Amino acid sequence: MKICVTAEEPQLSSLIAEEFGHAPYFIIYDSFTQKWDAVPNDAGPSTEGAGMVAAEQIARLEADVVLTGFIGPHGVKKLRSRNIKIIQDEEGTVEAAIKKYIKKHGNECVPAKTSTRTDFPE
């Protein structure tokens, strides 16, 4: 399963970005391979339509679930139309959110493609 977490910095120790559309980075973690990658948000500093742009990017990255602080209605609609799960009100570090999600949900989705990072802490 591919888990996408909104992040302030391009690392697992980063804090979760509060707003989905304006997150500087997306951490894409593959729970099957335990590899991850940090991807800059295509929406950048855009103020209008950032959630839609970000949601389209997440769909292209083939994420199964998004963990974030907050996501607006347009981003929710776009992600749900692609059958991407959304978990809001997340806070703390990216790494902690990923571990919490996997502990609670396990690998309930189909396997995703591999990422480029391999240094996920045990």
PDB file of N, CA and C in Angstrom:
ATOM      1  N   MET A   1       0.847  -1.164   0.000  1.00  0.00           N
ATOM      2  CA  MET A   1       0.000   0.000   0.000  1.00  0.00           C
ATOM      3  C   MET A   1       0.895   1.229   0.000  1.00  0.00           C
ATOM      4  N   LYS A   2       0.515   2.239  -0.753  1.00  0.00           N
ATOM      5  CA  LYS A   2       1.243   3.505  -0.759  1.00  0.00           C
ATOM      6  C   LYS A   2       0.518   4.498   0.142  1.00  0.00           C
ATOM      7  N   ILE A   3       1.270   5.010   1.109  1.00  0.00           N
ATOM      8  CA  ILE A   3       0.746   5.990   2.052  1.00  0.00           C
ATOM      9  C   ILE A   3       1.377   7.333   1.726  1.00  0.00           C
ATOM     10  N   CYS A   4       0.553   8.353   1.544  1.00  0.00           N
ATOM     11  CA  CYS A   4       1.039   9.709   1.301  1.00  0.00           C
ATOM     12  C   CYS A   4       0.809  10.528   2.563  1.00  0.00           C
ATOM     13  N   VAL A   5       1.858  11.205   3.033  1.00  0.00           N
ATOM     14  CA  VAL A   5       1.738  12.071   4.199  1.00  0.00           C
ATOM     15  C   VAL A   5       2.200  13.469   3.803  1.00  0.00           C
ATOM     16  N   THR A   6       1.397  14.477   4.126  1.00  0.00           N
ATOM     17  CA  THR A   6       1.805  15.855   3.854  1.00  0.00           C
ATOM     18  C   THR A   6       2.927  16.218   4.819  1.00  0.00           C
ATOM     19  N   ALA A   7       3.971  16.873   4.317  1.00  0.00           N
ATOM     20  CA  ALA A   7       5.150  17.129   5.137  1.00  0.00           C
ATOM     21  C   ALA A   7       5.689  18.539   4.940  1.00  0.00           C
ATOM     22  N   GLU A   8       6.242  19.084   6.019  1.00  0.00           N
ATOM     23  CA  GLU A   8       6.883  20.403   5.970  1.00  0.00           C
ATOM     24  C   GLU A   8       8.282  20.317   5.362  1.00  0.00           C
ATOM     25  N   GLU A   9       8.944  19.184   5.549  1.00  0.00           N
ATOM     26  CA  GLU A   9      10.311  18.963   5.067  1.00  0.00           C
ATOM     27  C   GLU A   9      10.369  17.618   4.340  1.00  0.00           C
ATOM     28  N   PRO A  10      11.398  17.407   3.501  1.00  0.00           N
ATOM     29  CA  PRO A  10      11.487  16.157   2.732  1.00  0.00           C
ATOM     30  C   PRO A  10      12.137  14.999   3.491  1.00  0.00           C
ATOM     31  N   GLN A  11      11.627  14.711   4.691  1.00  0.00           N
ATOM     32  CA  GLN A  11      12.209  13.643   5.500  1.00  0.00           C
ATOM     33  C   GLN A  11      11.162  13.042   6.427  1.00  0.00           C
ATOM     34  N   LEU A  12      11.403  11.839   6.891  1.00  0.00           N
ATOM     35  CA  LEU A  12      10.455  11.147   7.768  1.00  0.00           C
ATOM     36  C   LEU A  12      10.296  11.832   9.116  1.00  0.00           C
ATOM     37  N   SER A  13      11.331  12.523   9.568  1.00  0.00           N
ATOM     38  CA  SER A  13      11.264  13.211  10.859  1.00  0.00           C
ATOM     39  C   SER A  13      10.521  14.542  10.772  1.00  0.00           C
ATOM     40  N   SER A  14      10.087  14.916   9.585  1.00  0.00           N
ATOM     41  CA  SER A  14       9.360  16.168   9.379  1.00  0.00           C
ATOM     42  C   SER A  14       8.036  16.169  10.126  1.00  0.00           C
ATOM     43  N   LEU A  15       7.597  17.364  10.475  1.00  0.00           N
ATOM     44  CA  LEU A  15       6.240  17.515  10.993  1.00  0.00           C
ATOM     45  C   LEU A  15       5.256  17.386   9.841  1.00  0.00           C
ATOM     46  N   ILE A  16       4.076  16.889  10.141  1.00  0.00           N
ATOM     47  CA  ILE A  16       3.017  16.799   9.138  1.00  0.00           C
ATOM     48  C   ILE A  16       2.564  18.207   8.788  1.00  0.00           C
ATOM     49  N   ALA A  17       2.454  18.495   7.504  1.00  0.00           N
ATOM     50  CA  ALA A  17       1.951  19.797   7.059  1.00  0.00           C
ATOM     51  C   ALA A  17       0.466  19.876   7.378  1.00  0.00           C
ATOM     52  N   GLU A  18       0.045  21.018   7.878  1.00  0.00           N
ATOM     53  CA  GLU A  18      -1.339  21.179   8.320  1.00  0.00           C
ATOM     54  C   GLU A  18      -2.342  21.197   7.181  1.00  0.00           C
ATOM     55  N   GLU A  19      -1.975  21.778   6.041  1.00  0.00           N
ATOM     56  CA  GLU A  19      -2.924  21.925   4.938  1.00  0.00           C
ATOM     57  C   GLU A  19      -2.467  21.121   3.725  1.00  0.00           C
ATOM     58  N   PHE A  20      -3.301  20.209   3.286  1.00  0.00           N
ATOM     59  CA  PHE A  20      -2.996  19.320   2.172  1.00  0.00           C
ATOM     60  C   PHE A  20      -2.529  20.069   0.924  1.00  0.00           C
ATOM     61  N   GLY A  21      -3.322  20.998   0.429  1.00  0.00           N
ATOM     62  CA  GLY A  21      -3.015  21.680  -0.824  1.00  0.00           C
ATOM     63  C   GLY A  21      -1.775  22.543  -0.784  1.00  0.00           C
ATOM     64  N   HIS A  22      -1.423  23.016   0.403  1.00  0.00           N
ATOM     65  CA  HIS A  22      -0.272  23.911   0.539  1.00  0.00           C
ATOM     66  C   HIS A  22       0.924  23.240   1.212  1.00  0.00           C
ATOM     67  N   ALA A  23       0.888  21.930   1.352  1.00  0.00           N
ATOM     68  CA  ALA A  23       2.021  21.209   1.939  1.00  0.00           C
ATOM     69  C   ALA A  23       3.238  21.358   1.031  1.00  0.00           C
ATOM     70  N   PRO A  24       4.397  21.680   1.583  1.00  0.00           N
ATOM     71  CA  PRO A  24       5.589  21.785   0.739  1.00  0.00           C
ATOM     72  C   PRO A  24       5.983  20.456   0.082  1.00  0.00           C
ATOM     73  N   TYR A  25       5.783  19.347   0.811  1.00  0.00           N
ATOM     74  CA  TYR A  25       6.193  18.030   0.306  1.00  0.00           C
ATOM     75  C   TYR A  25       5.129  16.978   0.600  1.00  0.00           C
ATOM     76  N   PHE A  26       5.205  15.909  -0.177  1.00  0.00           N
ATOM     77  CA  PHE A  26       4.452  14.695   0.100  1.00  0.00           C
ATOM     78  C   PHE A  26       5.474  13.588   0.313  1.00  0.00           C
ATOM     79  N   ILE A  27       5.367  12.890   1.433  1.00  0.00           N
ATOM     80  CA  ILE A  27       6.190  11.707   1.650  1.00  0.00           C
ATOM     81  C   ILE A  27       5.353  10.517   1.184  1.00  0.00           C
ATOM     82  N   ILE A  28       5.872   9.773   0.230  1.00  0.00           N
ATOM     83  CA  ILE A  28       5.191   8.597  -0.296  1.00  0.00           C
ATOM     84  C   ILE A  28       5.919   7.372   0.254  1.00  0.00           C
ATOM     85  N   TYR A  29       5.217   6.611   1.082  1.00  0.00           N
ATOM     86  CA  TYR A  29       5.791   5.439   1.746  1.00  0.00           C
ATOM     87  C   TYR A  29       5.091   4.177   1.252  1.00  0.00           C
ATOM     88  N   ASP A  30       5.870   3.206   0.804  1.00  0.00           N
ATOM     89  CA  ASP A  30       5.332   1.928   0.348  1.00  0.00           C
ATOM     90  C   ASP A  30       5.437   0.940   1.507  1.00  0.00           C
ATOM     91  N   SER A  31       4.305   0.533   2.047  1.00  0.00           N
ATOM     92  CA  SER A  31       4.314  -0.329   3.233  1.00  0.00           C
ATOM     93  C   SER A  31       4.782  -1.755   2.944  1.00  0.00           C
ATOM     94  N   PHE A  32       4.770  -2.173   1.708  1.00  0.00           N
ATOM     95  CA  PHE A  32       5.227  -3.524   1.356  1.00  0.00           C
ATOM     96  C   PHE A  32       6.749  -3.579   1.244  1.00  0.00           C
ATOM     97  N   THR A  33       7.340  -2.567   0.615  1.00  0.00           N
ATOM     98  CA  THR A  33       8.791  -2.550   0.432  1.00  0.00           C
ATOM     99  C   THR A  33       9.508  -1.776   1.525  1.00  0.00           C
ATOM    100  N   GLN A  34       8.779  -0.976   2.288  1.00  0.00           N
ATOM    101  CA  GLN A  34       9.304  -0.079   3.314  1.00  0.00           C
ATOM    102  C   GLN A  34      10.260   0.955   2.729  1.00  0.00           C
ATOM    103  N   LYS A  35      10.035   1.321   1.477  1.00  0.00           N
ATOM    104  CA  LYS A  35      10.811   2.382   0.832  1.00  0.00           C
ATOM    105  C   LYS A  35       9.956   3.640   0.786  1.00  0.00           C
ATOM    106  N   TRP A  36      10.630   4.798   0.741  1.00  0.00           N
ATOM    107  CA  TRP A  36       9.894   6.049   0.711  1.00  0.00           C
ATOM    108  C   TRP A  36      10.598   7.067  -0.168  1.00  0.00           C
ATOM    109  N   ASP A  37       9.859   8.089  -0.527  1.00  0.00           N
ATOM    110  CA  ASP A  37      10.399   9.175  -1.333  1.00  0.00           C
ATOM    111  C   ASP A  37       9.698  10.464  -0.928  1.00  0.00           C
ATOM    112  N   ALA A  38      10.411  11.564  -1.015  1.00  0.00           N
ATOM    113  CA  ALA A  38       9.839  12.889  -0.760  1.00  0.00           C
ATOM    114  C   ALA A  38       9.620  13.566  -2.106  1.00  0.00           C
ATOM    115  N   VAL A  39       8.408  14.037  -2.332  1.00  0.00           N
ATOM    116  CA  VAL A  39       8.036  14.640  -3.610  1.00  0.00           C
ATOM    117  C   VAL A  39       7.546  16.063  -3.357  1.00  0.00           C
ATOM    118  N   PRO A  40       8.142  17.071  -4.022  1.00  0.00           N
ATOM    119  CA  PRO A  40       7.633  18.436  -3.863  1.00  0.00           C
ATOM    120  C   PRO A  40       6.195  18.538  -4.384  1.00  0.00           C
ATOM    121  N   ASN A  41       5.388  19.331  -3.705  1.00  0.00           N
ATOM    122  CA  ASN A  41       3.997  19.546  -4.089  1.00  0.00           C
ATOM    123  C   ASN A  41       3.942  20.395  -5.357  1.00  0.00           C
ATOM    124  N   ASP A  42       3.294  19.897  -6.398  1.00  0.00           N
ATOM    125  CA  ASP A  42       3.156  20.632  -7.662  1.00  0.00           C
ATOM    126  C   ASP A  42       2.376  21.929  -7.503  1.00  0.00           C
ATOM    127  N   ALA A  43       1.508  22.010  -6.491  1.00  0.00           N
ATOM    128  CA  ALA A  43       0.688  23.208  -6.304  1.00  0.00           C
ATOM    129  C   ALA A  43       1.535  24.396  -5.873  1.00  0.00           C
ATOM    130  N   GLY A  44       2.685  24.132  -5.270  1.00  0.00           N
ATOM    131  CA  GLY A  44       3.563  25.209  -4.840  1.00  0.00           C
ATOM    132  C   GLY A  44       2.837  26.208  -3.962  1.00  0.00           C
ATOM    133  N   PRO A  45       3.173  27.486  -4.102  1.00  0.00           N
ATOM    134  CA  PRO A  45       2.531  28.506  -3.265  1.00  0.00           C
ATOM    135  C   PRO A  45       1.178  28.969  -3.807  1.00  0.00           C
ATOM    136  N   SER A  46       0.625  28.268  -4.759  1.00  0.00           N
ATOM    137  CA  SER A  46      -0.660  28.628  -5.358  1.00  0.00           C
ATOM    138  C   SER A  46      -1.725  28.804  -4.284  1.00  0.00           C
ATOM    139  N   THR A  47      -2.556  29.823  -4.432  1.00  0.00           N
ATOM    140  CA  THR A  47      -3.611  30.048  -3.447  1.00  0.00           C
ATOM    141  C   THR A  47      -4.954  29.537  -3.931  1.00  0.00           C
ATOM    142  N   GLU A  48      -5.174  29.503  -5.222  1.00  0.00           N
ATOM    143  CA  GLU A  48      -6.454  29.055  -5.755  1.00  0.00           C
ATOM    144  C   GLU A  48      -6.314  27.681  -6.402  1.00  0.00           C
ATOM    145  N   GLY A  49      -7.122  26.756  -5.963  1.00  0.00           N
ATOM    146  CA  GLY A  49      -7.118  25.427  -6.565  1.00  0.00           C
ATOM    147  C   GLY A  49      -5.976  24.536  -6.136  1.00  0.00           C
ATOM    148  N   ALA A  50      -5.278  24.891  -5.055  1.00  0.00           N
ATOM    149  CA  ALA A  50      -4.127  24.100  -4.621  1.00  0.00           C
ATOM    150  C   ALA A  50      -4.525  22.675  -4.246  1.00  0.00           C
ATOM    151  N   GLY A  51      -5.670  22.514  -3.611  1.00  0.00           N
ATOM    152  CA  GLY A  51      -6.122  21.181  -3.216  1.00  0.00           C
ATOM    153  C   GLY A  51      -6.385  20.277  -4.405  1.00  0.00           C
ATOM    154  N   MET A  52      -6.954  20.845  -5.457  1.00  0.00           N
ATOM    155  CA  MET A  52      -7.233  20.065  -6.670  1.00  0.00           C
ATOM    156  C   MET A  52      -5.936  19.649  -7.362  1.00  0.00           C
ATOM    157  N   VAL A  53      -4.996  20.598  -7.469  1.00  0.00           N
ATOM    158  CA  VAL A  53      -3.703  20.299  -8.102  1.00  0.00           C
ATOM    159  C   VAL A  53      -2.982  19.212  -7.307  1.00  0.00           C
ATOM    160  N   ALA A  54      -2.959  19.363  -5.984  1.00  0.00           N
ATOM    161  CA  ALA A  54      -2.290  18.381  -5.130  1.00  0.00           C
ATOM    162  C   ALA A  54      -2.968  17.013  -5.231  1.00  0.00           C
ATOM    163  N   ALA A  55      -4.292  16.985  -5.254  1.00  0.00           N
ATOM    164  CA  ALA A  55      -5.024  15.715  -5.350  1.00  0.00           C
ATOM    165  C   ALA A  55      -4.724  15.001  -6.668  1.00  0.00           C
ATOM    166  N   GLU A  56      -4.635  15.759  -7.748  1.00  0.00           N
ATOM    167  CA  GLU A  56      -4.292  15.162  -9.042  1.00  0.00           C
ATOM    168  C   GLU A  56      -2.889  14.564  -9.005  1.00  0.00           C
ATOM    169  N   GLN A  57      -1.969  15.272  -8.345  1.00  0.00           N
ATOM    170  CA  GLN A  57      -0.606  14.768  -8.224  1.00  0.00           C
ATOM    171  C   GLN A  57      -0.579  13.466  -7.407  1.00  0.00           C
ATOM    172  N   ILE A  58      -1.316  13.429  -6.313  1.00  0.00           N
ATOM    173  CA  ILE A  58      -1.358  12.234  -5.469  1.00  0.00           C
ATOM    174  C   ILE A  58      -1.931  11.051  -6.246  1.00  0.00           C
ATOM    175  N   ALA A  59      -2.938  11.313  -7.052  1.00  0.00           N
ATOM    176  CA  ALA A  59      -3.518  10.245  -7.884  1.00  0.00           C
ATOM    177  C   ALA A  59      -2.474   9.716  -8.869  1.00  0.00           C
ATOM    178  N   ARG A  60      -1.688  10.616  -9.476  1.00  0.00           N
ATOM    179  CA  ARG A  60      -0.629  10.187 -10.404  1.00  0.00           C
ATOM    180  C   ARG A  60       0.443   9.366  -9.690  1.00  0.00           C
ATOM    181  N   LEU A  61       0.681   9.687  -8.417  1.00  0.00           N
ATOM    182  CA  LEU A  61       1.680   8.962  -7.629  1.00  0.00           C
ATOM    183  C   LEU A  61       1.138   7.626  -7.107  1.00  0.00           C
ATOM    184  N   GLU A  62      -0.120   7.348  -7.396  1.00  0.00           N
ATOM    185  CA  GLU A  62      -0.773   6.079  -7.068  1.00  0.00           C
ATOM    186  C   GLU A  62      -0.850   5.792  -5.571  1.00  0.00           C
ATOM    187  N   ALA A  63      -1.094   6.838  -4.774  1.00  0.00           N
ATOM    188  CA  ALA A  63      -1.268   6.648  -3.335  1.00  0.00           C
ATOM    189  C   ALA A  63      -2.607   5.971  -3.058  1.00  0.00           C
ATOM    190  N   ASP A  64      -2.634   5.174  -2.008  1.00  0.00           N
ATOM    191  CA  ASP A  64      -3.861   4.508  -1.576  1.00  0.00           C
ATOM    192  C   ASP A  64      -4.556   5.273  -0.460  1.00  0.00           C
ATOM    193  N   VAL A  65      -3.779   6.032   0.312  1.00  0.00           N
ATOM    194  CA  VAL A  65      -4.315   6.781   1.446  1.00  0.00           C
ATOM    195  C   VAL A  65      -3.493   8.054   1.628  1.00  0.00           C
ATOM    196  N   VAL A  66      -4.154   9.115   2.106  1.00  0.00           N
ATOM    197  CA  VAL A  66      -3.490  10.382   2.417  1.00  0.00           C
ATOM    198  C   VAL A  66      -3.676  10.666   3.898  1.00  0.00           C
ATOM    199  N   LEU A  67      -2.575  10.973   4.585  1.00  0.00           N
ATOM    200  CA  LEU A  67      -2.603  11.395   5.980  1.00  0.00           C
ATOM    201  C   LEU A  67      -2.224  12.866   6.005  1.00  0.00           C
ATOM    202  N   THR A  68      -3.069  13.717   6.589  1.00  0.00           N
ATOM    203  CA  THR A  68      -2.833  15.154   6.564  1.00  0.00           C
ATOM    204  C   THR A  68      -3.501  15.821   7.756  1.00  0.00           C
ATOM    205  N   GLY A  69      -3.198  17.096   7.936  1.00  0.00           N
ATOM    206  CA  GLY A  69      -3.861  17.864   8.979  1.00  0.00           C
ATOM    207  C   GLY A  69      -5.272  18.241   8.568  1.00  0.00           C
ATOM    208  N   PHE A  70      -5.390  18.870   7.405  1.00  0.00           N
ATOM    209  CA  PHE A  70      -6.692  19.318   6.903  1.00  0.00           C
ATOM    210  C   PHE A  70      -6.686  19.270   5.384  1.00  0.00           C
ATOM    211  N   ILE A  71      -7.837  18.938   4.818  1.00  0.00           N
ATOM    212  CA  ILE A  71      -8.002  18.962   3.366  1.00  0.00           C
ATOM    213  C   ILE A  71      -9.373  19.550   3.064  1.00  0.00           C
ATOM    214  N   GLY A  72      -9.404  20.472   2.115  1.00  0.00           N
ATOM    215  CA  GLY A  72     -10.646  21.136   1.747  1.00  0.00           C
ATOM    216  C   GLY A  72     -11.580  20.246   0.940  1.00  0.00           C
ATOM    217  N   PRO A  73     -12.808  20.724   0.734  1.00  0.00           N
ATOM    218  CA  PRO A  73     -13.829  19.903   0.066  1.00  0.00           C
ATOM    219  C   PRO A  73     -13.493  19.525  -1.375  1.00  0.00           C
ATOM    220  N   HIS A  74     -12.806  20.393  -2.109  1.00  0.00           N
ATOM    221  CA  HIS A  74     -12.469  20.068  -3.501  1.00  0.00           C
ATOM    222  C   HIS A  74     -11.417  18.959  -3.569  1.00  0.00           C
ATOM    223  N   GLY A  75     -10.425  19.041  -2.680  1.00  0.00           N
ATOM    224  CA  GLY A  75      -9.418  17.983  -2.617  1.00  0.00           C
ATOM    225  C   GLY A  75     -10.022  16.658  -2.186  1.00  0.00           C
ATOM    226  N   VAL A  76     -10.939  16.715  -1.204  1.00  0.00           N
ATOM    227  CA  VAL A  76     -11.625  15.504  -0.740  1.00  0.00           C
ATOM    228  C   VAL A  76     -12.384  14.860  -1.892  1.00  0.00           C
ATOM    229  N   LYS A  77     -13.127  15.675  -2.614  1.00  0.00           N
ATOM    230  CA  LYS A  77     -13.932  15.158  -3.726  1.00  0.00           C
ATOM    231  C   LYS A  77     -13.055  14.491  -4.787  1.00  0.00           C
ATOM    232  N   LYS A  78     -11.950  15.152  -5.137  1.00  0.00           N
ATOM    233  CA  LYS A  78     -11.048  14.613  -6.163  1.00  0.00           C
ATOM    234  C   LYS A  78     -10.416  13.298  -5.695  1.00  0.00           C
ATOM    235  N   LEU A  79      -9.933  13.246  -4.456  1.00  0.00           N
ATOM    236  CA  LEU A  79      -9.304  12.021  -3.953  1.00  0.00           C
ATOM    237  C   LEU A  79     -10.314  10.884  -3.844  1.00  0.00           C
ATOM    238  N   ARG A  80     -11.495  11.179  -3.346  1.00  0.00           N
ATOM    239  CA  ARG A  80     -12.518  10.134  -3.212  1.00  0.00           C
ATOM    240  C   ARG A  80     -12.947   9.597  -4.572  1.00  0.00           C
ATOM    241  N   SER A  81     -12.945  10.470  -5.584  1.00  0.00           N
ATOM    242  CA  SER A  81     -13.314  10.006  -6.930  1.00  0.00           C
ATOM    243  C   SER A  81     -12.292   9.007  -7.472  1.00  0.00           C
ATOM    244  N   ARG A  82     -11.086   9.036  -6.912  1.00  0.00           N
ATOM    245  CA  ARG A  82     -10.020   8.100  -7.297  1.00  0.00           C
ATOM    246  C   ARG A  82      -9.878   6.954  -6.303  1.00  0.00           C
ATOM    247  N   ASN A  83     -10.834   6.846  -5.368  1.00  0.00           N
ATOM    248  CA  ASN A  83     -10.820   5.806  -4.330  1.00  0.00           C
ATOM    249  C   ASN A  83      -9.587   5.864  -3.437  1.00  0.00           C
ATOM    250  N   ILE A  84      -9.122   7.082  -3.156  1.00  0.00           N
ATOM    251  CA  ILE A  84      -7.994   7.289  -2.249  1.00  0.00           C
ATOM    252  C   ILE A  84      -8.566   7.657  -0.884  1.00  0.00           C
ATOM    253  N   LYS A  85      -8.185   6.892   0.142  1.00  0.00           N
ATOM    254  CA  LYS A  85      -8.667   7.149   1.498  1.00  0.00           C
ATOM    255  C   LYS A  85      -8.030   8.426   2.046  1.00  0.00           C
ATOM    256  N   ILE A  86      -8.747   9.098   2.938  1.00  0.00           N
ATOM    257  CA  ILE A  86      -8.274  10.341   3.536  1.00  0.00           C
ATOM    258  C   ILE A  86      -8.382  10.229   5.051  1.00  0.00           C
ATOM    259  N   ILE A  87      -7.283  10.511   5.735  1.00  0.00           N
ATOM    260  CA  ILE A  87      -7.269  10.579   7.191  1.00  0.00           C
ATOM    261  C   ILE A  87      -6.828  11.996   7.551  1.00  0.00           C
ATOM    262  N   GLN A  88      -7.727  12.755   8.209  1.00  0.00           N
ATOM    263  CA  GLN A  88      -7.431  14.141   8.583  1.00  0.00           C
ATOM    264  C   GLN A  88      -7.123  14.251  10.074  1.00  0.00           C
ATOM    265  N   ASP A  89      -6.775  15.455  10.476  1.00  0.00           N
ATOM    266  CA  ASP A  89      -6.475  15.791  11.870  1.00  0.00           C
ATOM    267  C   ASP A  89      -5.227  15.086  12.381  1.00  0.00           C
ATOM    268  N   GLU A  90      -4.332  14.713  11.466  1.00  0.00           N
ATOM    269  CA  GLU A  90      -3.069  14.109  11.871  1.00  0.00           C
ATOM    270  C   GLU A  90      -2.113  15.215  12.312  1.00  0.00           C
ATOM    271  N   GLU A  91      -1.294  14.903  13.288  1.00  0.00           N
ATOM    272  CA  GLU A  91      -0.266  15.839  13.740  1.00  0.00           C
ATOM    273  C   GLU A  91       0.925  15.041  14.236  1.00  0.00           C
ATOM    274  N   GLY A  92       2.021  15.739  14.478  1.00  0.00           N
ATOM    275  CA  GLY A  92       3.247  15.064  14.879  1.00  0.00           C
ATOM    276  C   GLY A  92       4.141  14.842  13.675  1.00  0.00           C
ATOM    277  N   THR A  93       4.960  13.800  13.730  1.00  0.00           N
ATOM    278  CA  THR A  93       5.898  13.546  12.638  1.00  0.00           C
ATOM    279  C   THR A  93       5.296  12.615  11.592  1.00  0.00           C
ATOM    280  N   VAL A  94       5.867  12.696  10.412  1.00  0.00           N
ATOM    281  CA  VAL A  94       5.463  11.820   9.310  1.00  0.00           C
ATOM    282  C   VAL A  94       5.671  10.362   9.715  1.00  0.00           C
ATOM    283  N   GLU A  95       6.830  10.067  10.258  1.00  0.00           N
ATOM    284  CA  GLU A  95       7.157   8.694  10.650  1.00  0.00           C
ATOM    285  C   GLU A  95       6.147   8.137  11.650  1.00  0.00           C
ATOM    286  N   ALA A  96       5.799   8.918  12.668  1.00  0.00           N
ATOM    287  CA  ALA A  96       4.842   8.462  13.682  1.00  0.00           C
ATOM    288  C   ALA A  96       3.466   8.212  13.068  1.00  0.00           C
ATOM    289  N   ALA A  97       3.055   9.072  12.154  1.00  0.00           N
ATOM    290  CA  ALA A  97       1.745   8.911  11.504  1.00  0.00           C
ATOM    291  C   ALA A  97       1.702   7.643  10.657  1.00  0.00           C
ATOM    292  N   ILE A  98       2.785   7.367   9.947  1.00  0.00           N
ATOM    293  CA  ILE A  98       2.852   6.154   9.122  1.00  0.00           C
ATOM    294  C   ILE A  98       2.770   4.909  10.003  1.00  0.00           C
ATOM    295  N   LYS A  99       3.571   4.884  11.057  1.00  0.00           N
ATOM    296  CA  LYS A  99       3.571   3.725  11.954  1.00  0.00           C
ATOM    297  C   LYS A  99       2.199   3.523  12.591  1.00  0.00           C
ATOM    298  N   LYS A 100       1.567   4.613  13.009  1.00  0.00           N
ATOM    299  CA  LYS A 100       0.238   4.535  13.623  1.00  0.00           C
ATOM    300  C   LYS A 100      -0.784   3.985  12.632  1.00  0.00           C
ATOM    301  N   TYR A 101      -0.724   4.464  11.391  1.00  0.00           N
ATOM    302  CA  TYR A 101      -1.680   4.005  10.384  1.00  0.00           C
ATOM    303  C   TYR A 101      -1.496   2.513  10.094  1.00  0.00           C
ATOM    304  N   ILE A 102      -0.261   2.088   9.911  1.00  0.00           N
ATOM    305  CA  ILE A 102       0.006   0.679   9.608  1.00  0.00           C
ATOM    306  C   ILE A 102      -0.392  -0.215  10.782  1.00  0.00           C
ATOM    307  N   LYS A 103      -0.118   0.234  11.998  1.00  0.00           N
ATOM    308  CA  LYS A 103      -0.489  -0.557  13.174  1.00  0.00           C
ATOM    309  C   LYS A 103      -2.006  -0.740  13.241  1.00  0.00           C
ATOM    310  N   LYS A 104      -2.738   0.308  12.905  1.00  0.00           N
ATOM    311  CA  LYS A 104      -4.202   0.258  12.988  1.00  0.00           C
ATOM    312  C   LYS A 104      -4.839  -0.463  11.800  1.00  0.00           C
ATOM    313  N   HIS A 105      -4.307  -0.237  10.595  1.00  0.00           N
ATOM    314  CA  HIS A 105      -4.957  -0.733   9.382  1.00  0.00           C
ATOM    315  C   HIS A 105      -4.215  -1.867   8.680  1.00  0.00           C
ATOM    316  N   GLY A 106      -2.951  -2.077   9.003  1.00  0.00           N
ATOM    317  CA  GLY A 106      -2.177  -3.109   8.327  1.00  0.00           C
ATOM    318  C   GLY A 106      -2.024  -2.811   6.843  1.00  0.00           C
ATOM    319  N   ASN A 107      -1.743  -3.818   6.065  1.00  0.00           N
ATOM    320  CA  ASN A 107      -1.596  -3.666   4.616  1.00  0.00           C
ATOM    321  C   ASN A 107      -2.900  -4.056   3.931  1.00  0.00           C
ATOM    322  N   GLU A 108      -3.922  -3.233   4.107  1.00  0.00           N
ATOM    323  CA  GLU A 108      -5.251  -3.571   3.609  1.00  0.00           C
ATOM    324  C   GLU A 108      -5.461  -3.265   2.138  1.00  0.00           C
ATOM    325  N   CYS A 109      -4.526  -2.591   1.502  1.00  0.00           N
ATOM    326  CA  CYS A 109      -4.673  -2.247   0.088  1.00  0.00           C
ATOM    327  C   CYS A 109      -3.774  -3.145  -0.758  1.00  0.00           C
ATOM    328  N   VAL A 110      -3.931  -3.050  -2.052  1.00  0.00           N
ATOM    329  CA  VAL A 110      -3.100  -3.833  -2.964  1.00  0.00           C
ATOM    330  C   VAL A 110      -1.679  -3.289  -2.991  1.00  0.00           C
ATOM    331  N   PRO A 111      -0.678  -4.102  -3.329  1.00  0.00           N
ATOM    332  CA  PRO A 111       0.695  -3.627  -3.383  1.00  0.00           C
ATOM    333  C   PRO A 111       0.863  -2.465  -4.354  1.00  0.00           C
ATOM    334  N   ALA A 112       1.737  -1.538  -3.966  1.00  0.00           N
ATOM    335  CA  ALA A 112       2.029  -0.376  -4.800  1.00  0.00           C
ATOM    336  C   ALA A 112       3.386  -0.553  -5.465  1.00  0.00           C
ATOM    337  N   LYS A 113       3.687   0.334  -6.398  1.00  0.00           N
ATOM    338  CA  LYS A 113       5.009   0.318  -7.025  1.00  0.00           C
ATOM    339  C   LYS A 113       6.050   0.741  -5.997  1.00  0.00           C
ATOM    340  N   THR A 114       7.305   0.412  -6.233  1.00  0.00           N
ATOM    341  CA  THR A 114       8.349   0.721  -5.269  1.00  0.00           C
ATOM    342  C   THR A 114       8.789   2.170  -5.367  1.00  0.00           C
ATOM    343  N   SER A 115       9.324   2.669  -4.249  1.00  0.00           N
ATOM    344  CA  SER A 115       9.866   4.017  -4.167  1.00  0.00           C
ATOM    345  C   SER A 115      11.380   3.939  -4.259  1.00  0.00           C
ATOM    346  N   THR A 116      12.044   5.071  -4.074  1.00  0.00           N
ATOM    347  CA  THR A 116      13.496   5.088  -4.196  1.00  0.00           C
ATOM    348  C   THR A 116      14.209   5.056  -2.854  1.00  0.00           C
ATOM    349  N   ARG A 117      13.556   5.407  -1.763  1.00  0.00           N
ATOM    350  CA  ARG A 117      14.206   5.448  -0.458  1.00  0.00           C
ATOM    351  C   ARG A 117      14.097   4.096   0.230  1.00  0.00           C
ATOM    352  N   THR A 118      15.145   3.741   0.993  1.00  0.00           N
ATOM    353  CA  THR A 118      15.134   2.468   1.707  1.00  0.00           C
ATOM    354  C   THR A 118      15.479   2.628   3.178  1.00  0.00           C
ATOM    355  N   ASP A 119      15.643   3.845   3.660  1.00  0.00           N
ATOM    356  CA  ASP A 119      16.149   4.056   5.013  1.00  0.00           C
ATOM    357  C   ASP A 119      15.059   4.342   6.039  1.00  0.00           C
ATOM    358  N   PHE A 120      13.915   3.666   5.927  1.00  0.00           N
ATOM    359  CA  PHE A 120      12.852   3.841   6.918  1.00  0.00           C
ATOM    360  C   PHE A 120      13.287   3.176   8.213  1.00  0.00           C
ATOM    361  N   PRO A 121      13.258   3.899   9.333  1.00  0.00           N
ATOM    362  CA  PRO A 121      13.703   3.324  10.609  1.00  0.00           C
ATOM    363  C   PRO A 121      12.808   2.182  11.070  1.00  0.00           C
ATOM    364  N   GLU A 122      13.401   1.237  11.753  1.00  0.00           N
ATOM    365  CA  GLU A 122      12.648   0.094  12.312  1.00  0.00           C
ATOM    366  C   GLU A 122      11.869   0.546  13.514  1.00  0.00           C
TER     367      GLU A 122
END
